[in-house]
Amino acid sequence: MQNILIIIHAAPYGSERCLSALRLATALVSRDDKPVVRIFLMSDATVLGLPNQIDGAGNGLQGMVETLVSCGVDIRLCRTCALARGLGELPLIAGTQIGTLAELAEATLLADKVITF
């Protein structure tokens, strides 16, 4: 079984990089061989962990995040990045959590593949 780490730096809205990362993660967990997928949100991507966001077109990424969590994907927000953006005490999408750089380092060492967006 493959172990895949996806690191997202891009803000959830404004480009399609975050959406593309979530779409890839969804395709990976839908495979019959069920790779282990972890997502680590860094920089402006940490905002993705906040619930109830809707873009100008009335869409949101929360449903994709919730689906990935329900499929067992571990989604963590960089603690330093989240704190720098005032997210430390805010409620997060259920199943997501604040993570540390040490946890990212461990996930990187365990990963067969690391993909960044």
PDB file of N, CA and C in Angstrom:
ATOM      1  N   MET A   1       0.845  -1.175   0.000  1.00  0.00           N
ATOM      2  CA  MET A   1       0.000   0.000   0.000  1.00  0.00           C
ATOM      3  C   MET A   1       0.895   1.245   0.000  1.00  0.00           C
ATOM      4  N   GLN A   2       0.582   2.166  -0.884  1.00  0.00           N
ATOM      5  CA  GLN A   2       1.371   3.388  -0.974  1.00  0.00           C
ATOM      6  C   GLN A   2       0.930   4.409   0.064  1.00  0.00           C
ATOM      7  N   ASN A   3       1.877   5.200   0.481  1.00  0.00           N
ATOM      8  CA  ASN A   3       1.664   6.265   1.458  1.00  0.00           C
ATOM      9  C   ASN A   3       1.967   7.578   0.738  1.00  0.00           C
ATOM     10  N   ILE A   4       0.938   8.440   0.594  1.00  0.00           N
ATOM     11  CA  ILE A   4       1.086   9.668  -0.189  1.00  0.00           C
ATOM     12  C   ILE A   4       0.802  10.882   0.685  1.00  0.00           C
ATOM     13  N   LEU A   5       1.715  11.824   0.669  1.00  0.00           N
ATOM     14  CA  LEU A   5       1.569  13.080   1.405  1.00  0.00           C
ATOM     15  C   LEU A   5       1.348  14.201   0.399  1.00  0.00           C
ATOM     16  N   ILE A   6       0.283  14.956   0.617  1.00  0.00           N
ATOM     17  CA  ILE A   6      -0.008  16.124  -0.227  1.00  0.00           C
ATOM     18  C   ILE A   6       0.147  17.364   0.643  1.00  0.00           C
ATOM     19  N   ILE A   7       1.036  18.257   0.245  1.00  0.00           N
ATOM     20  CA  ILE A   7       1.259  19.513   0.958  1.00  0.00           C
ATOM     21  C   ILE A   7       0.658  20.628   0.106  1.00  0.00           C
ATOM     22  N   ILE A   8      -0.249  21.385   0.722  1.00  0.00           N
ATOM     23  CA  ILE A   8      -0.901  22.477  -0.005  1.00  0.00           C
ATOM     24  C   ILE A   8      -0.469  23.800   0.610  1.00  0.00           C
ATOM     25  N   HIS A   9       0.048  24.700  -0.226  1.00  0.00           N
ATOM     26  CA  HIS A   9       0.443  26.053   0.190  1.00  0.00           C
ATOM     27  C   HIS A   9      -0.542  27.099  -0.315  1.00  0.00           C
ATOM     28  N   ALA A  10      -1.230  26.795  -1.398  1.00  0.00           N
ATOM     29  CA  ALA A  10      -2.070  27.780  -2.074  1.00  0.00           C
ATOM     30  C   ALA A  10      -3.343  28.063  -1.284  1.00  0.00           C
ATOM     31  N   ALA A  11      -3.740  29.319  -1.286  1.00  0.00           N
ATOM     32  CA  ALA A  11      -4.994  29.714  -0.621  1.00  0.00           C
ATOM     33  C   ALA A  11      -6.160  28.955  -1.247  1.00  0.00           C
ATOM     34  N   PRO A  12      -7.204  28.679  -0.461  1.00  0.00           N
ATOM     35  CA  PRO A  12      -8.332  27.905  -0.977  1.00  0.00           C
ATOM     36  C   PRO A  12      -9.055  28.570  -2.145  1.00  0.00           C
ATOM     37  N   TYR A  13      -9.093  29.868  -2.161  1.00  0.00           N
ATOM     38  CA  TYR A  13      -9.807  30.575  -3.215  1.00  0.00           C
ATOM     39  C   TYR A  13      -8.856  31.578  -3.860  1.00  0.00           C
ATOM     40  N   GLY A  14      -9.011  31.808  -5.143  1.00  0.00           N
ATOM     41  CA  GLY A  14      -8.147  32.739  -5.855  1.00  0.00           C
ATOM     42  C   GLY A  14      -7.362  32.054  -6.951  1.00  0.00           C
ATOM     43  N   SER A  15      -7.108  30.772  -6.790  1.00  0.00           N
ATOM     44  CA  SER A  15      -6.514  29.950  -7.846  1.00  0.00           C
ATOM     45  C   SER A  15      -7.138  28.573  -7.718  1.00  0.00           C
ATOM     46  N   GLU A  16      -6.811  27.708  -8.636  1.00  0.00           N
ATOM     47  CA  GLU A  16      -7.383  26.355  -8.583  1.00  0.00           C
ATOM     48  C   GLU A  16      -6.414  25.333  -8.003  1.00  0.00           C
ATOM     49  N   ARG A  17      -5.292  25.777  -7.461  1.00  0.00           N
ATOM     50  CA  ARG A  17      -4.304  24.834  -6.944  1.00  0.00           C
ATOM     51  C   ARG A  17      -4.849  24.030  -5.771  1.00  0.00           C
ATOM     52  N   CYS A  18      -5.527  24.670  -4.844  1.00  0.00           N
ATOM     53  CA  CYS A  18      -6.095  23.969  -3.692  1.00  0.00           C
ATOM     54  C   CYS A  18      -7.177  22.995  -4.157  1.00  0.00           C
ATOM     55  N   LEU A  19      -8.043  23.445  -5.031  1.00  0.00           N
ATOM     56  CA  LEU A  19      -9.084  22.583  -5.590  1.00  0.00           C
ATOM     57  C   LEU A  19      -8.457  21.382  -6.287  1.00  0.00           C
ATOM     58  N   SER A  20      -7.417  21.613  -7.063  1.00  0.00           N
ATOM     59  CA  SER A  20      -6.751  20.519  -7.772  1.00  0.00           C
ATOM     60  C   SER A  20      -6.172  19.501  -6.800  1.00  0.00           C
ATOM     61  N   ALA A  21      -5.605  19.971  -5.705  1.00  0.00           N
ATOM     62  CA  ALA A  21      -5.051  19.069  -4.693  1.00  0.00           C
ATOM     63  C   ALA A  21      -6.147  18.213  -4.070  1.00  0.00           C
ATOM     64  N   LEU A  22      -7.280  18.829  -3.752  1.00  0.00           N
ATOM     65  CA  LEU A  22      -8.392  18.088  -3.165  1.00  0.00           C
ATOM     66  C   LEU A  22      -8.987  17.100  -4.161  1.00  0.00           C
ATOM     67  N   ARG A  23      -9.049  17.476  -5.417  1.00  0.00           N
ATOM     68  CA  ARG A  23      -9.546  16.559  -6.444  1.00  0.00           C
ATOM     69  C   ARG A  23      -8.618  15.353  -6.590  1.00  0.00           C
ATOM     70  N   LEU A  24      -7.307  15.598  -6.571  1.00  0.00           N
ATOM     71  CA  LEU A  24      -6.348  14.495  -6.648  1.00  0.00           C
ATOM     72  C   LEU A  24      -6.498  13.580  -5.439  1.00  0.00           C
ATOM     73  N   ALA A  25      -6.588  14.153  -4.249  1.00  0.00           N
ATOM     74  CA  ALA A  25      -6.752  13.344  -3.038  1.00  0.00           C
ATOM     75  C   ALA A  25      -8.015  12.497  -3.118  1.00  0.00           C
ATOM     76  N   THR A  26      -9.093  13.083  -3.616  1.00  0.00           N
ATOM     77  CA  THR A  26     -10.361  12.348  -3.765  1.00  0.00           C
ATOM     78  C   THR A  26     -10.203  11.190  -4.746  1.00  0.00           C
ATOM     79  N   ALA A  27      -9.518  11.424  -5.851  1.00  0.00           N
ATOM     80  CA  ALA A  27      -9.288  10.355  -6.828  1.00  0.00           C
ATOM     81  C   ALA A  27      -8.420   9.249  -6.229  1.00  0.00           C
ATOM     82  N   LEU A  28      -7.432   9.624  -5.434  1.00  0.00           N
ATOM     83  CA  LEU A  28      -6.554   8.626  -4.818  1.00  0.00           C
ATOM     84  C   LEU A  28      -7.305   7.736  -3.831  1.00  0.00           C
ATOM     85  N   VAL A  29      -8.132   8.339  -2.976  1.00  0.00           N
ATOM     86  CA  VAL A  29      -8.836   7.525  -1.972  1.00  0.00           C
ATOM     87  C   VAL A  29      -9.971   6.723  -2.599  1.00  0.00           C
ATOM     88  N   SER A  30     -10.332   7.029  -3.836  1.00  0.00           N
ATOM     89  CA  SER A  30     -11.380   6.288  -4.530  1.00  0.00           C
ATOM     90  C   SER A  30     -10.846   5.042  -5.240  1.00  0.00           C
ATOM     91  N   ARG A  31      -9.549   4.900  -5.274  1.00  0.00           N
ATOM     92  CA  ARG A  31      -8.942   3.756  -5.961  1.00  0.00           C
ATOM     93  C   ARG A  31      -9.176   2.455  -5.196  1.00  0.00           C
ATOM     94  N   ASP A  32      -9.157   1.355  -5.916  1.00  0.00           N
ATOM     95  CA  ASP A  32      -9.339   0.044  -5.292  1.00  0.00           C
ATOM     96  C   ASP A  32      -8.171  -0.326  -4.375  1.00  0.00           C
ATOM     97  N   ASP A  33      -6.957   0.143  -4.717  1.00  0.00           N
ATOM     98  CA  ASP A  33      -5.789  -0.221  -3.902  1.00  0.00           C
ATOM     99  C   ASP A  33      -5.642   0.655  -2.656  1.00  0.00           C
ATOM    100  N   LYS A  34      -6.523   1.627  -2.448  1.00  0.00           N
ATOM    101  CA  LYS A  34      -6.635   2.445  -1.233  1.00  0.00           C
ATOM    102  C   LYS A  34      -5.284   2.884  -0.645  1.00  0.00           C
ATOM    103  N   PRO A  35      -4.585   3.802  -1.318  1.00  0.00           N
ATOM    104  CA  PRO A  35      -3.352   4.318  -0.699  1.00  0.00           C
ATOM    105  C   PRO A  35      -3.684   5.130   0.551  1.00  0.00           C
ATOM    106  N   VAL A  36      -2.718   5.210   1.446  1.00  0.00           N
ATOM    107  CA  VAL A  36      -2.864   6.083   2.614  1.00  0.00           C
ATOM    108  C   VAL A  36      -2.558   7.499   2.141  1.00  0.00           C
ATOM    109  N   VAL A  37      -3.491   8.415   2.347  1.00  0.00           N
ATOM    110  CA  VAL A  37      -3.318   9.804   1.897  1.00  0.00           C
ATOM    111  C   VAL A  37      -3.360  10.707   3.114  1.00  0.00           C
ATOM    112  N   ARG A  38      -2.366  11.591   3.214  1.00  0.00           N
ATOM    113  CA  ARG A  38      -2.331  12.618   4.260  1.00  0.00           C
ATOM    114  C   ARG A  38      -2.242  13.967   3.557  1.00  0.00           C
ATOM    115  N   ILE A  39      -2.894  14.964   4.151  1.00  0.00           N
ATOM    116  CA  ILE A  39      -2.830  16.325   3.618  1.00  0.00           C
ATOM    117  C   ILE A  39      -2.339  17.239   4.718  1.00  0.00           C
ATOM    118  N   PHE A  40      -1.357  18.061   4.392  1.00  0.00           N
ATOM    119  CA  PHE A  40      -0.830  19.050   5.334  1.00  0.00           C
ATOM    120  C   PHE A  40      -1.000  20.418   4.693  1.00  0.00           C
ATOM    121  N   LEU A  41      -1.737  21.288   5.375  1.00  0.00           N
ATOM    122  CA  LEU A  41      -2.012  22.635   4.876  1.00  0.00           C
ATOM    123  C   LEU A  41      -1.014  23.617   5.473  1.00  0.00           C
ATOM    124  N   MET A  42      -0.357  24.371   4.618  1.00  0.00           N
ATOM    125  CA  MET A  42       0.622  25.354   5.064  1.00  0.00           C
ATOM    126  C   MET A  42       0.290  26.721   4.465  1.00  0.00           C
ATOM    127  N   SER A  43       0.929  27.744   5.005  1.00  0.00           N
ATOM    128  CA  SER A  43       0.767  29.106   4.500  1.00  0.00           C
ATOM    129  C   SER A  43      -0.718  29.471   4.439  1.00  0.00           C
ATOM    130  N   ASP A  44      -1.146  30.106   3.343  1.00  0.00           N
ATOM    131  CA  ASP A  44      -2.538  30.535   3.227  1.00  0.00           C
ATOM    132  C   ASP A  44      -3.519  29.372   3.072  1.00  0.00           C
ATOM    133  N   ALA A  45      -3.025  28.180   2.793  1.00  0.00           N
ATOM    134  CA  ALA A  45      -3.915  27.017   2.675  1.00  0.00           C
ATOM    135  C   ALA A  45      -4.560  26.653   4.012  1.00  0.00           C
ATOM    136  N   THR A  46      -3.977  27.106   5.117  1.00  0.00           N
ATOM    137  CA  THR A  46      -4.554  26.772   6.427  1.00  0.00           C
ATOM    138  C   THR A  46      -5.986  27.292   6.564  1.00  0.00           C
ATOM    139  N   VAL A  47      -6.324  28.335   5.827  1.00  0.00           N
ATOM    140  CA  VAL A  47      -7.676  28.901   5.876  1.00  0.00           C
ATOM    141  C   VAL A  47      -8.709  27.872   5.405  1.00  0.00           C
ATOM    142  N   LEU A  48      -8.291  26.886   4.619  1.00  0.00           N
ATOM    143  CA  LEU A  48      -9.183  25.831   4.162  1.00  0.00           C
ATOM    144  C   LEU A  48      -9.822  25.078   5.328  1.00  0.00           C
ATOM    145  N   GLY A  49      -9.169  25.044   6.474  1.00  0.00           N
ATOM    146  CA  GLY A  49      -9.693  24.333   7.631  1.00  0.00           C
ATOM    147  C   GLY A  49     -10.879  24.992   8.311  1.00  0.00           C
ATOM    148  N   LEU A  50     -11.187  26.228   7.940  1.00  0.00           N
ATOM    149  CA  LEU A  50     -12.315  26.934   8.554  1.00  0.00           C
ATOM    150  C   LEU A  50     -13.631  26.533   7.898  1.00  0.00           C
ATOM    151  N   PRO A  51     -14.672  26.284   8.685  1.00  0.00           N
ATOM    152  CA  PRO A  51     -15.966  25.896   8.112  1.00  0.00           C
ATOM    153  C   PRO A  51     -16.743  27.089   7.561  1.00  0.00           C
ATOM    154  N   ASN A  52     -17.766  26.785   6.785  1.00  0.00           N
ATOM    155  CA  ASN A  52     -18.778  27.735   6.303  1.00  0.00           C
ATOM    156  C   ASN A  52     -18.261  28.794   5.346  1.00  0.00           C
ATOM    157  N   GLN A  53     -17.215  28.492   4.580  1.00  0.00           N
ATOM    158  CA  GLN A  53     -16.717  29.436   3.582  1.00  0.00           C
ATOM    159  C   GLN A  53     -17.416  29.182   2.249  1.00  0.00           C
ATOM    160  N   ILE A  54     -17.783  30.247   1.578  1.00  0.00           N
ATOM    161  CA  ILE A  54     -18.403  30.147   0.267  1.00  0.00           C
ATOM    162  C   ILE A  54     -17.748  31.191  -0.626  1.00  0.00           C
ATOM    163  N   ASP A  55     -17.365  30.773  -1.821  1.00  0.00           N
ATOM    164  CA  ASP A  55     -16.739  31.744  -2.725  1.00  0.00           C
ATOM    165  C   ASP A  55     -17.807  32.586  -3.424  1.00  0.00           C
ATOM    166  N   GLY A  56     -17.395  33.488  -4.271  1.00  0.00           N
ATOM    167  CA  GLY A  56     -18.316  34.405  -4.936  1.00  0.00           C
ATOM    168  C   GLY A  56     -19.352  33.721  -5.809  1.00  0.00           C
ATOM    169  N   ALA A  57     -19.063  32.504  -6.257  1.00  0.00           N
ATOM    170  CA  ALA A  57     -20.004  31.761  -7.100  1.00  0.00           C
ATOM    171  C   ALA A  57     -20.959  30.906  -6.271  1.00  0.00           C
ATOM    172  N   GLY A  58     -20.836  30.969  -4.940  1.00  0.00           N
ATOM    173  CA  GLY A  58     -21.721  30.197  -4.072  1.00  0.00           C
ATOM    174  C   GLY A  58     -21.246  28.784  -3.792  1.00  0.00           C
ATOM    175  N   ASN A  59     -19.996  28.496  -4.135  1.00  0.00           N
ATOM    176  CA  ASN A  59     -19.430  27.156  -3.920  1.00  0.00           C
ATOM    177  C   ASN A  59     -18.483  27.182  -2.732  1.00  0.00           C
ATOM    178  N   GLY A  60     -18.190  26.035  -2.217  1.00  0.00           N
ATOM    179  CA  GLY A  60     -17.226  25.926  -1.138  1.00  0.00           C
ATOM    180  C   GLY A  60     -16.470  24.613  -1.242  1.00  0.00           C
ATOM    181  N   LEU A  61     -15.358  24.520  -0.552  1.00  0.00           N
ATOM    182  CA  LEU A  61     -14.529  23.323  -0.570  1.00  0.00           C
ATOM    183  C   LEU A  61     -14.768  22.441   0.653  1.00  0.00           C
ATOM    184  N   GLN A  62     -15.572  22.918   1.575  1.00  0.00           N
ATOM    185  CA  GLN A  62     -15.795  22.194   2.827  1.00  0.00           C
ATOM    186  C   GLN A  62     -16.307  20.775   2.576  1.00  0.00           C
ATOM    187  N   GLY A  63     -17.221  20.610   1.632  1.00  0.00           N
ATOM    188  CA  GLY A  63     -17.759  19.284   1.343  1.00  0.00           C
ATOM    189  C   GLY A  63     -16.684  18.307   0.908  1.00  0.00           C
ATOM    190  N   MET A  64     -15.727  18.786   0.121  1.00  0.00           N
ATOM    191  CA  MET A  64     -14.627  17.921  -0.308  1.00  0.00           C
ATOM    192  C   MET A  64     -13.763  17.535   0.882  1.00  0.00           C
ATOM    193  N   VAL A  65     -13.491  18.498   1.755  1.00  0.00           N
ATOM    194  CA  VAL A  65     -12.695  18.221   2.949  1.00  0.00           C
ATOM    195  C   VAL A  65     -13.411  17.191   3.819  1.00  0.00           C
ATOM    196  N   GLU A  66     -14.705  17.385   4.029  1.00  0.00           N
ATOM    197  CA  GLU A  66     -15.477  16.456   4.862  1.00  0.00           C
ATOM    198  C   GLU A  66     -15.501  15.053   4.264  1.00  0.00           C
ATOM    199  N   THR A  67     -15.610  14.960   2.952  1.00  0.00           N
ATOM    200  CA  THR A  67     -15.580  13.652   2.296  1.00  0.00           C
ATOM    201  C   THR A  67     -14.233  12.978   2.497  1.00  0.00           C
ATOM    202  N   LEU A  68     -13.166  13.733   2.333  1.00  0.00           N
ATOM    203  CA  LEU A  68     -11.828  13.163   2.526  1.00  0.00           C
ATOM    204  C   LEU A  68     -11.631  12.693   3.962  1.00  0.00           C
ATOM    205  N   VAL A  69     -12.084  13.485   4.916  1.00  0.00           N
ATOM    206  CA  VAL A  69     -11.985  13.088   6.326  1.00  0.00           C
ATOM    207  C   VAL A  69     -12.759  11.787   6.554  1.00  0.00           C
ATOM    208  N   SER A  70     -13.951  11.692   5.969  1.00  0.00           N
ATOM    209  CA  SER A  70     -14.765  10.483   6.151  1.00  0.00           C
ATOM    210  C   SER A  70     -14.118   9.256   5.502  1.00  0.00           C
ATOM    211  N   CYS A  71     -13.224   9.478   4.546  1.00  0.00           N
ATOM    212  CA  CYS A  71     -12.481   8.381   3.903  1.00  0.00           C
ATOM    213  C   CYS A  71     -11.187   8.059   4.642  1.00  0.00           C
ATOM    214  N   GLY A  72     -10.959   8.720   5.773  1.00  0.00           N
ATOM    215  CA  GLY A  72      -9.782   8.422   6.581  1.00  0.00           C
ATOM    216  C   GLY A  72      -8.556   9.259   6.289  1.00  0.00           C
ATOM    217  N   VAL A  73      -8.713  10.304   5.494  1.00  0.00           N
ATOM    218  CA  VAL A  73      -7.569  11.175   5.195  1.00  0.00           C
ATOM    219  C   VAL A  73      -7.271  12.057   6.409  1.00  0.00           C
ATOM    220  N   ASP A  74      -6.031  12.051   6.836  1.00  0.00           N
ATOM    221  CA  ASP A  74      -5.572  12.885   7.942  1.00  0.00           C
ATOM    222  C   ASP A  74      -5.252  14.266   7.372  1.00  0.00           C
ATOM    223  N   ILE A  75      -6.011  15.280   7.788  1.00  0.00           N
ATOM    224  CA  ILE A  75      -5.801  16.642   7.295  1.00  0.00           C
ATOM    225  C   ILE A  75      -5.377  17.520   8.467  1.00  0.00           C
ATOM    226  N   ARG A  76      -4.177  18.084   8.356  1.00  0.00           N
ATOM    227  CA  ARG A  76      -3.644  18.929   9.422  1.00  0.00           C
ATOM    228  C   ARG A  76      -3.250  20.293   8.886  1.00  0.00           C
ATOM    229  N   LEU A  77      -3.399  21.285   9.759  1.00  0.00           N
ATOM    230  CA  LEU A  77      -2.999  22.652   9.453  1.00  0.00           C
ATOM    231  C   LEU A  77      -1.702  22.939  10.185  1.00  0.00           C
ATOM    232  N   CYS A  78      -0.749  23.519   9.498  1.00  0.00           N
ATOM    233  CA  CYS A  78       0.502  23.918  10.130  1.00  0.00           C
ATOM    234  C   CYS A  78       0.198  24.868  11.289  1.00  0.00           C
ATOM    235  N   ARG A  79       0.669  24.522  12.458  1.00  0.00           N
ATOM    236  CA  ARG A  79       0.391  25.325  13.655  1.00  0.00           C
ATOM    237  C   ARG A  79       0.924  26.748  13.512  1.00  0.00           C
ATOM    238  N   THR A  80       2.169  26.880  13.101  1.00  0.00           N
ATOM    239  CA  THR A  80       2.778  28.200  12.962  1.00  0.00           C
ATOM    240  C   THR A  80       2.022  29.051  11.948  1.00  0.00           C
ATOM    241  N   CYS A  81       1.667  28.454  10.817  1.00  0.00           N
ATOM    242  CA  CYS A  81       0.934  29.172   9.770  1.00  0.00           C
ATOM    243  C   CYS A  81      -0.461  29.557  10.246  1.00  0.00           C
ATOM    244  N   ALA A  82      -1.130  28.631  10.944  1.00  0.00           N
ATOM    245  CA  ALA A  82      -2.480  28.905  11.447  1.00  0.00           C
ATOM    246  C   ALA A  82      -2.461  30.022  12.482  1.00  0.00           C
ATOM    247  N   LEU A  83      -1.506  29.973  13.387  1.00  0.00           N
ATOM    248  CA  LEU A  83      -1.410  31.017  14.414  1.00  0.00           C
ATOM    249  C   LEU A  83      -1.102  32.375  13.793  1.00  0.00           C
ATOM    250  N   ALA A  84      -0.267  32.399  12.760  1.00  0.00           N
ATOM    251  CA  ALA A  84       0.074  33.661  12.094  1.00  0.00           C
ATOM    252  C   ALA A  84      -1.147  34.287  11.419  1.00  0.00           C
ATOM    253  N   ARG A  85      -2.158  33.468  11.129  1.00  0.00           N
ATOM    254  CA  ARG A  85      -3.365  33.959  10.474  1.00  0.00           C
ATOM    255  C   ARG A  85      -4.545  34.072  11.432  1.00  0.00           C
ATOM    256  N   GLY A  86      -4.282  33.931  12.720  1.00  0.00           N
ATOM    257  CA  GLY A  86      -5.327  34.089  13.729  1.00  0.00           C
ATOM    258  C   GLY A  86      -6.309  32.939  13.809  1.00  0.00           C
ATOM    259  N   LEU A  87      -5.902  31.754  13.371  1.00  0.00           N
ATOM    260  CA  LEU A  87      -6.809  30.616  13.322  1.00  0.00           C
ATOM    261  C   LEU A  87      -6.701  29.699  14.542  1.00  0.00           C
ATOM    262  N   GLY A  88      -5.776  29.965  15.423  1.00  0.00           N
ATOM    263  CA  GLY A  88      -5.472  29.053  16.525  1.00  0.00           C
ATOM    264  C   GLY A  88      -6.637  28.699  17.416  1.00  0.00           C
ATOM    265  N   GLU A  89      -7.530  29.623  17.666  1.00  0.00           N
ATOM    266  CA  GLU A  89      -8.651  29.384  18.582  1.00  0.00           C
ATOM    267  C   GLU A  89      -9.988  29.239  17.862  1.00  0.00           C
ATOM    268  N   LEU A  90      -9.978  29.303  16.544  1.00  0.00           N
ATOM    269  CA  LEU A  90     -11.231  29.214  15.788  1.00  0.00           C
ATOM    270  C   LEU A  90     -11.630  27.755  15.572  1.00  0.00           C
ATOM    271  N   PRO A  91     -12.939  27.486  15.483  1.00  0.00           N
ATOM    272  CA  PRO A  91     -13.374  26.110  15.205  1.00  0.00           C
ATOM    273  C   PRO A  91     -12.958  25.716  13.792  1.00  0.00           C
ATOM    274  N   LEU A  92     -12.590  24.452  13.634  1.00  0.00           N
ATOM    275  CA  LEU A  92     -12.169  23.920  12.346  1.00  0.00           C
ATOM    276  C   LEU A  92     -13.214  22.946  11.817  1.00  0.00           C
ATOM    277  N   ILE A  93     -13.126  22.647  10.550  1.00  0.00           N
ATOM    278  CA  ILE A  93     -13.982  21.622   9.966  1.00  0.00           C
ATOM    279  C   ILE A  93     -13.747  20.333  10.747  1.00  0.00           C
ATOM    280  N   ALA A  94     -14.822  19.663  11.116  1.00  0.00           N
ATOM    281  CA  ALA A  94     -14.721  18.431  11.904  1.00  0.00           C
ATOM    282  C   ALA A  94     -13.779  17.435  11.234  1.00  0.00           C
ATOM    283  N   GLY A  95     -12.872  16.907  12.021  1.00  0.00           N
ATOM    284  CA  GLY A  95     -11.924  15.918  11.522  1.00  0.00           C
ATOM    285  C   GLY A  95     -10.589  16.489  11.106  1.00  0.00           C
ATOM    286  N   THR A  96     -10.509  17.815  10.935  1.00  0.00           N
ATOM    287  CA  THR A  96      -9.221  18.450  10.660  1.00  0.00           C
ATOM    288  C   THR A  96      -8.628  18.900  11.990  1.00  0.00           C
ATOM    289  N   GLN A  97      -7.336  19.105  12.007  1.00  0.00           N
ATOM    290  CA  GLN A  97      -6.700  19.517  13.259  1.00  0.00           C
ATOM    291  C   GLN A  97      -5.406  20.271  13.001  1.00  0.00           C
ATOM    292  N   ILE A  98      -4.977  20.981  14.016  1.00  0.00           N
ATOM    293  CA  ILE A  98      -3.698  21.683  13.958  1.00  0.00           C
ATOM    294  C   ILE A  98      -2.583  20.644  14.080  1.00  0.00           C
ATOM    295  N   GLY A  99      -1.571  20.785  13.266  1.00  0.00           N
ATOM    296  CA  GLY A  99      -0.422  19.883  13.309  1.00  0.00           C
ATOM    297  C   GLY A  99       0.858  20.667  13.500  1.00  0.00           C
ATOM    298  N   THR A 100       1.933  19.950  13.669  1.00  0.00           N
ATOM    299  CA  THR A 100       3.236  20.579  13.911  1.00  0.00           C
ATOM    300  C   THR A 100       4.202  20.257  12.772  1.00  0.00           C
ATOM    301  N   LEU A 101       5.282  21.008  12.724  1.00  0.00           N
ATOM    302  CA  LEU A 101       6.307  20.747  11.724  1.00  0.00           C
ATOM    303  C   LEU A 101       6.953  19.385  11.966  1.00  0.00           C
ATOM    304  N   ALA A 102       7.054  18.973  13.221  1.00  0.00           N
ATOM    305  CA  ALA A 102       7.589  17.643  13.527  1.00  0.00           C
ATOM    306  C   ALA A 102       6.692  16.552  12.942  1.00  0.00           C
ATOM    307  N   GLU A 103       5.373  16.768  12.989  1.00  0.00           N
ATOM    308  CA  GLU A 103       4.446  15.797  12.400  1.00  0.00           C
ATOM    309  C   GLU A 103       4.576  15.774  10.876  1.00  0.00           C
ATOM    310  N   LEU A 104       4.779  16.940  10.278  1.00  0.00           N
ATOM    311  CA  LEU A 104       5.002  17.001   8.838  1.00  0.00           C
ATOM    312  C   LEU A 104       6.294  16.270   8.477  1.00  0.00           C
ATOM    313  N   ALA A 105       7.325  16.463   9.271  1.00  0.00           N
ATOM    314  CA  ALA A 105       8.595  15.773   9.015  1.00  0.00           C
ATOM    315  C   ALA A 105       8.408  14.260   9.080  1.00  0.00           C
ATOM    316  N   GLU A 106       7.668  13.788  10.074  1.00  0.00           N
ATOM    317  CA  GLU A 106       7.401  12.349  10.210  1.00  0.00           C
ATOM    318  C   GLU A 106       6.602  11.832   9.012  1.00  0.00           C
ATOM    319  N   ALA A 107       5.562  12.570   8.623  1.00  0.00           N
ATOM    320  CA  ALA A 107       4.744  12.167   7.476  1.00  0.00           C
ATOM    321  C   ALA A 107       5.576  12.134   6.197  1.00  0.00           C
ATOM    322  N   THR A 108       6.512  13.064   6.073  1.00  0.00           N
ATOM    323  CA  THR A 108       7.385  13.113   4.901  1.00  0.00           C
ATOM    324  C   THR A 108       8.279  11.878   4.846  1.00  0.00           C
ATOM    325  N   LEU A 109       8.832  11.506   5.991  1.00  0.00           N
ATOM    326  CA  LEU A 109       9.703  10.326   6.029  1.00  0.00           C
ATOM    327  C   LEU A 109       8.936   9.031   5.760  1.00  0.00           C
ATOM    328  N   LEU A 110       7.673   8.983   6.155  1.00  0.00           N
ATOM    329  CA  LEU A 110       6.852   7.795   5.939  1.00  0.00           C
ATOM    330  C   LEU A 110       6.307   7.698   4.514  1.00  0.00           C
ATOM    331  N   ALA A 111       6.282   8.820   3.806  1.00  0.00           N
ATOM    332  CA  ALA A 111       5.637   8.879   2.496  1.00  0.00           C
ATOM    333  C   ALA A 111       6.470   8.211   1.411  1.00  0.00           C
ATOM    334  N   ASP A 112       5.766   7.510   0.522  1.00  0.00           N
ATOM    335  CA  ASP A 112       6.403   7.002  -0.701  1.00  0.00           C
ATOM    336  C   ASP A 112       6.464   8.107  -1.749  1.00  0.00           C
ATOM    337  N   LYS A 113       5.478   9.007  -1.682  1.00  0.00           N
ATOM    338  CA  LYS A 113       5.417  10.131  -2.616  1.00  0.00           C
ATOM    339  C   LYS A 113       4.980  11.373  -1.845  1.00  0.00           C
ATOM    340  N   VAL A 114       5.594  12.515  -2.169  1.00  0.00           N
ATOM    341  CA  VAL A 114       5.193  13.805  -1.615  1.00  0.00           C
ATOM    342  C   VAL A 114       4.849  14.697  -2.807  1.00  0.00           C
ATOM    343  N   ILE A 115       3.635  15.258  -2.763  1.00  0.00           N
ATOM    344  CA  ILE A 115       3.149  16.107  -3.844  1.00  0.00           C
ATOM    345  C   ILE A 115       2.811  17.468  -3.243  1.00  0.00           C
ATOM    346  N   THR A 116       3.250  18.539  -3.889  1.00  0.00           N
ATOM    347  CA  THR A 116       2.962  19.865  -3.374  1.00  0.00           C
ATOM    348  C   THR A 116       2.137  20.669  -4.379  1.00  0.00           C
ATOM    349  N   PHE A 117       1.268  21.496  -3.810  1.00  0.00           N
ATOM    350  CA  PHE A 117       0.440  22.393  -4.602  1.00  0.00           C
ATOM    351  C   PHE A 117       0.581  23.798  -4.047  1.00  0.00           C
TER     352      PHE A 117
END
